[in-house]
Amino acid sequence: MRLLSGILLASAVLLPLSGTAVADDEPSTQVVGGTKASTKDNPFAVFLTRPGKRNSFCGGSIVAPNKVLTAAHCVEEGGKPDDPATVNVVAGRDDERTDAGVVAKVKRLAVHPKYDGFGPDFAVLTLDRVLPYKPISLATSKDSGLQQPGKQLTVLGWGSTQKAGGGESPLLLKAKLPVVPDKSCLTFYGKDDEGIDVFNPKQMICAGDVDGNRDSCFGDSGGPFVASGKLVGVVSFGPPQCAQPNAPAVYGKVSSEETWIKQQILY
């Protein structure tokens, strides 16, 4: 689903970039206009799945040996966190169809307490084991240069490869996207039905290809948005169709919740 509950954009619904339903009742999962990526080069990149399933429904990033950062909307519904027993994390697997890598169970699931359908779209998962893959460093307030308009960041994910969803590929893909000025995103997303700006520059980063050739999409939610070896953002939400001209997607700004994330890592 790419829907952010209760928010309207020019009378169209905004959608979080988690998966859409497929035949086995699990969300489908890729980056539009992306190229093949590897967990060898991006060992921190993981995906979330359900026990007994292979297909991903969201992405995530290893931020400590037994901790994964993902999007809150991937693991909660109606303000209630999912049962940790219903979520597995798969690391070190480029292709969902293989048995490569490690499958870890989730022992604890912490959703940001201020997330209420939008806002700080973050959750930290504590795993039942230490993963043998290098975590990615978190961007901090000192890394503001990585979030400047025009800066190229890389998004990774196992989400939809088609602009309207569907076209699922089991492979990890990547795409470079430029950061869009906050003012442009404020204008594009407008206000919700309570008159509150949908895009919050303090908590979010806006990015997208002006020509609509590349974008994160359905199934990429929670996945990494990186630059200079640091996790700058987490895939959050976007307009109803992916990869449209001048229609950027939104990423949770990791540096804005640095303290809370680190508290969960140390928990």
Protein backbone atom coordinates (compact mmCIF):
# COMPACT_ATOMS: atom_id res chain seq x y z
CA MET A 1 0.00 0.00 0.00
CA ARG A 2 1.16 3.50 -0.75
CA LEU A 3 -1.68 5.09 1.25
CA LEU A 4 -1.07 7.50 4.09
CA SER A 5 -4.35 7.40 5.99
CA GLY A 6 -6.46 10.53 6.08
CA ILE A 7 -4.33 12.66 3.73
CA LEU A 8 -5.52 14.01 0.41
CA LEU A 9 -3.47 15.41 -2.46
CA ALA A 10 -5.51 17.28 -5.06
CA SER A 11 -8.29 14.82 -4.17
CA ALA A 12 -5.95 11.85 -4.74
CA VAL A 13 -4.90 9.54 -1.92
CA LEU A 14 -1.28 9.50 -0.74
CA LEU A 15 0.26 6.12 -0.28
CA PRO A 16 2.97 4.69 1.95
CA LEU A 17 5.41 2.66 -0.11
CA SER A 18 4.84 -0.69 1.54
CA GLY A 19 3.61 -3.58 -0.57
CA THR A 20 0.28 -4.03 -2.29
CA ALA A 21 -1.71 -7.22 -1.91
CA VAL A 22 -0.80 -10.23 -4.02
CA ALA A 23 -2.33 -13.67 -4.39
CA ASP A 24 -0.99 -14.97 -1.08
CA ASP A 25 -2.38 -11.95 0.79
CA GLU A 26 1.08 -10.50 1.32
CA PRO A 27 2.19 -7.13 -0.01
CA SER A 28 4.04 -7.20 -3.28
CA THR A 29 7.38 -5.82 -3.54
CA GLN A 30 10.87 -2.49 -6.39
CA VAL A 31 12.50 0.63 -7.41
CA VAL A 32 11.13 2.07 -10.69
CA GLY A 33 13.89 2.75 -13.22
CA GLY A 34 16.47 1.11 -11.00
CA THR A 35 19.47 -1.09 -11.68
CA LYS A 36 20.48 -4.34 -10.04
CA ALA A 37 22.09 -3.96 -6.62
CA SER A 38 23.83 -6.38 -4.29
CA THR A 39 23.85 -6.97 -0.56
CA LYS A 40 27.58 -7.59 -0.95
CA ASP A 41 27.96 -3.88 -1.71
CA ASN A 42 25.06 -2.91 0.57
CA PRO A 43 25.24 -5.42 3.44
CA PHE A 44 22.93 -3.30 5.59
CA ALA A 45 19.97 -3.70 3.20
CA VAL A 46 17.33 -6.16 4.41
CA PHE A 47 13.70 -6.94 3.72
CA LEU A 48 10.76 -7.83 5.93
CA THR A 49 8.63 -10.86 5.26
CA ARG A 50 6.09 -13.06 7.04
CA PRO A 51 7.01 -16.41 8.59
CA GLY A 52 6.74 -19.12 5.96
CA LYS A 53 6.74 -16.60 3.08
CA ARG A 54 9.44 -15.53 0.63
CA ASN A 55 8.16 -12.25 -0.79
CA SER A 56 8.99 -9.00 0.97
CA PHE A 57 6.47 -6.42 2.12
CA CYS A 58 8.91 -3.71 3.25
CA GLY A 59 12.60 -2.93 3.42
CA GLY A 60 14.89 -2.00 6.26
CA SER A 61 18.47 -1.23 7.26
CA ILE A 62 20.78 -2.93 9.73
CA VAL A 63 21.80 -0.19 12.17
CA ALA A 64 23.39 -2.44 14.82
CA PRO A 65 24.28 -6.17 14.82
CA ASN A 66 20.79 -7.17 16.01
CA LYS A 67 18.78 -4.03 15.16
CA VAL A 68 16.92 -2.99 12.00
CA LEU A 69 15.45 0.43 11.24
CA THR A 70 12.33 0.46 9.07
CA ALA A 71 9.19 2.57 8.58
CA ALA A 72 6.59 2.64 11.34
CA HIS A 73 3.74 2.11 8.89
CA CYS A 74 5.29 -1.21 7.85
CA VAL A 75 4.77 -2.73 11.28
CA GLU A 76 1.72 -1.08 12.79
CA GLU A 77 -1.93 -0.62 11.97
CA GLY A 78 -4.44 1.72 13.55
CA GLY A 79 -1.95 2.84 16.16
CA LYS A 80 -1.23 -0.71 17.30
CA PRO A 81 2.19 -2.31 16.64
CA ASP A 82 2.21 -5.67 14.91
CA ASP A 83 2.93 -8.80 16.90
CA PRO A 84 6.72 -9.30 16.56
CA ALA A 85 6.09 -12.98 15.87
CA THR A 86 4.44 -12.02 12.55
CA VAL A 87 7.58 -10.35 11.15
CA ASN A 88 10.84 -11.89 9.94
CA VAL A 89 13.92 -10.05 8.68
CA VAL A 90 15.93 -11.44 5.76
CA ALA A 91 19.53 -10.24 5.38
CA GLY A 92 22.20 -11.03 2.81
CA ARG A 93 19.73 -12.08 0.12
CA ASP A 94 19.68 -10.26 -3.23
CA ASP A 95 17.04 -12.53 -4.76
CA GLU A 96 13.91 -13.39 -2.79
CA ARG A 97 13.64 -16.73 -4.61
CA THR A 98 16.86 -18.08 -3.07
CA ASP A 99 17.79 -19.28 0.40
CA ALA A 100 20.88 -17.08 0.62
CA GLY A 101 21.67 -15.10 3.73
CA VAL A 102 20.06 -15.22 7.14
CA VAL A 103 16.44 -15.19 8.30
CA ALA A 104 15.98 -13.63 11.74
CA LYS A 105 12.93 -13.48 13.95
CA VAL A 106 11.84 -10.23 15.57
CA LYS A 107 11.89 -10.26 19.39
CA ARG A 108 10.85 -6.66 19.99
CA LEU A 109 9.20 -4.03 17.85
CA ALA A 110 9.42 -0.34 18.80
CA VAL A 111 7.28 2.13 16.82
CA HIS A 112 8.05 5.81 17.28
CA PRO A 113 5.60 7.04 19.94
CA LYS A 114 4.70 10.18 17.95
CA TYR A 115 3.81 8.33 14.76
CA ASP A 116 0.06 8.59 14.16
CA GLY A 117 -0.32 7.80 10.47
CA PHE A 118 2.24 10.40 9.55
CA GLY A 119 4.97 12.22 11.43
CA PRO A 120 8.14 10.37 12.46
CA ASP A 121 7.71 7.23 10.35
CA PHE A 122 10.28 5.05 12.13
CA ALA A 123 10.37 1.69 13.87
CA VAL A 124 13.29 -0.26 15.30
CA LEU A 125 13.21 -4.05 15.30
CA THR A 126 15.25 -6.10 17.77
CA LEU A 127 16.23 -9.47 16.32
CA ASP A 128 16.71 -12.87 17.90
CA ARG A 129 20.30 -13.07 16.68
CA VAL A 130 23.33 -11.04 15.70
CA LEU A 131 23.54 -10.62 11.93
CA PRO A 132 26.91 -11.26 10.22
CA TYR A 133 26.60 -8.11 8.11
CA LYS A 134 28.03 -4.63 8.60
CA PRO A 135 25.50 -2.07 9.90
CA ILE A 136 25.19 1.32 8.24
CA SER A 137 25.99 4.50 10.15
CA LEU A 138 23.17 6.92 10.89
CA ALA A 139 23.25 10.42 9.45
CA THR A 140 23.31 13.03 12.22
CA SER A 141 22.62 16.73 12.48
CA LYS A 142 26.20 17.27 11.33
CA ASP A 143 25.35 15.69 7.96
CA SER A 144 22.98 18.38 6.73
CA GLY A 145 25.05 18.65 3.55
CA LEU A 146 23.78 15.22 2.51
CA GLN A 147 20.22 16.57 2.44
CA GLN A 148 20.72 19.69 0.36
CA PRO A 149 18.57 20.22 -2.77
CA GLY A 150 20.16 18.61 -5.80
CA LYS A 151 22.22 16.17 -3.74
CA GLN A 152 22.05 12.68 -5.25
CA LEU A 153 21.13 9.89 -2.83
CA THR A 154 20.61 6.19 -3.49
CA VAL A 155 17.40 4.35 -2.66
CA LEU A 156 17.42 0.55 -2.40
CA GLY A 157 14.50 -1.83 -2.36
CA TRP A 158 12.63 -4.90 -3.47
CA GLY A 159 9.48 -2.92 -4.42
CA SER A 160 7.39 -2.50 -7.58
CA THR A 161 9.11 -1.77 -10.89
CA GLN A 162 5.99 -0.32 -12.52
CA LYS A 163 4.65 3.18 -11.97
CA ALA A 164 1.17 2.04 -10.99
CA GLY A 165 2.45 -0.87 -8.91
CA GLY A 166 2.85 -4.48 -9.95
CA GLY A 167 5.66 -5.77 -12.15
CA GLU A 168 7.20 -7.36 -9.11
CA SER A 169 10.84 -8.37 -9.30
CA PRO A 170 12.43 -10.52 -6.62
CA LEU A 171 15.77 -8.73 -7.01
CA LEU A 172 17.24 -5.90 -4.97
CA LEU A 173 17.38 -2.73 -7.06
CA LYS A 174 18.85 0.74 -6.58
CA ALA A 175 18.34 4.18 -8.08
CA LYS A 176 19.88 7.61 -7.57
CA LEU A 177 17.45 10.42 -6.82
CA PRO A 178 18.05 14.14 -6.26
CA VAL A 179 16.81 15.88 -3.14
CA VAL A 180 13.96 18.29 -3.92
CA PRO A 181 13.70 21.70 -2.19
CA ASP A 182 11.42 21.72 0.86
CA LYS A 183 9.35 24.53 -0.62
CA SER A 184 8.53 22.45 -3.70
CA CYS A 185 7.42 19.54 -1.55
CA LEU A 186 5.31 21.74 0.71
CA THR A 187 3.51 23.04 -2.37
CA PHE A 188 3.14 19.63 -4.00
CA TYR A 189 1.71 17.82 -0.97
CA GLY A 190 -0.31 20.73 0.39
CA LYS A 191 -2.30 20.42 3.61
CA ASP A 192 -4.43 17.69 5.13
CA ASP A 193 -8.11 18.11 6.00
CA GLU A 194 -7.12 19.76 9.29
CA GLY A 195 -5.02 22.38 7.55
CA ILE A 196 -1.68 20.86 8.57
CA ASP A 197 1.17 20.59 6.07
CA VAL A 198 1.50 16.99 4.89
CA PHE A 199 5.22 17.43 4.29
CA ASN A 200 7.16 18.39 7.41
CA PRO A 201 10.69 19.58 6.53
CA LYS A 202 11.88 19.00 10.09
CA GLN A 203 11.04 15.30 9.91
CA MET A 204 11.12 14.52 6.20
CA ILE A 205 13.22 14.66 3.04
CA CYS A 206 11.68 15.01 -0.41
CA ALA A 207 13.36 13.46 -3.44
CA GLY A 208 12.52 12.47 -6.99
CA ASP A 209 13.56 12.53 -10.61
CA VAL A 210 12.11 15.63 -12.30
CA ASP A 211 11.41 13.60 -15.47
CA GLY A 212 9.76 10.75 -13.58
CA ASN A 213 12.17 8.10 -14.79
CA ARG A 214 13.26 6.81 -11.38
CA ASP A 215 11.53 6.52 -8.02
CA SER A 216 10.91 4.39 -4.97
CA CYS A 217 7.60 2.56 -5.23
CA PHE A 218 5.18 0.09 -3.65
CA GLY A 219 7.09 -2.38 -1.47
CA ASP A 220 10.10 -0.11 -0.91
CA SER A 221 8.76 1.37 2.35
CA GLY A 222 11.20 1.26 5.23
CA GLY A 223 14.13 0.81 2.90
CA PRO A 224 17.36 2.80 2.94
CA PHE A 225 18.02 6.19 1.33
CA VAL A 226 21.78 6.62 1.55
CA ALA A 227 24.68 8.91 0.73
CA SER A 228 28.38 8.82 1.60
CA GLY A 229 27.98 5.56 3.49
CA LYS A 230 25.31 6.94 5.83
CA LEU A 231 21.61 6.24 6.27
CA VAL A 232 20.02 9.61 5.53
CA GLY A 233 16.41 8.59 5.05
CA VAL A 234 13.83 5.81 5.27
CA VAL A 235 11.32 5.32 2.44
CA SER A 236 7.97 6.61 3.69
CA PHE A 237 5.23 7.73 1.28
CA GLY A 238 4.43 9.27 -2.07
CA PRO A 239 1.68 10.11 -4.56
CA PRO A 240 -0.67 7.38 -5.89
CA GLN A 241 1.52 6.59 -8.90
CA CYS A 242 5.28 6.18 -8.67
CA ALA A 243 7.83 7.88 -10.93
CA GLN A 244 5.71 10.72 -12.24
CA PRO A 245 7.32 13.97 -13.47
CA ASN A 246 7.70 16.54 -10.70
CA ALA A 247 6.03 14.21 -8.19
CA PRO A 248 8.63 13.47 -5.49
CA ALA A 249 8.39 10.82 -2.81
CA VAL A 250 8.97 11.43 0.89
CA TYR A 251 11.60 9.87 3.15
CA GLY A 252 11.79 9.97 6.94
CA LYS A 253 14.74 12.17 7.94
CA VAL A 254 16.94 9.95 10.12
CA SER A 255 18.86 12.84 11.69
CA SER A 256 15.61 14.33 13.02
CA GLU A 257 15.09 11.30 15.29
CA GLU A 258 18.72 10.45 15.96
CA THR A 259 18.23 10.42 19.74
CA TRP A 260 15.18 8.13 19.73
CA ILE A 261 16.73 5.72 17.22
CA LYS A 262 19.94 5.45 19.25
CA GLN A 263 17.92 4.86 22.41
CA GLN A 264 16.24 1.90 20.72
CA ILE A 265 19.57 0.58 19.46
CA LEU A 266 20.91 0.60 23.03
CA TYR A 267 17.73 -0.89 24.54
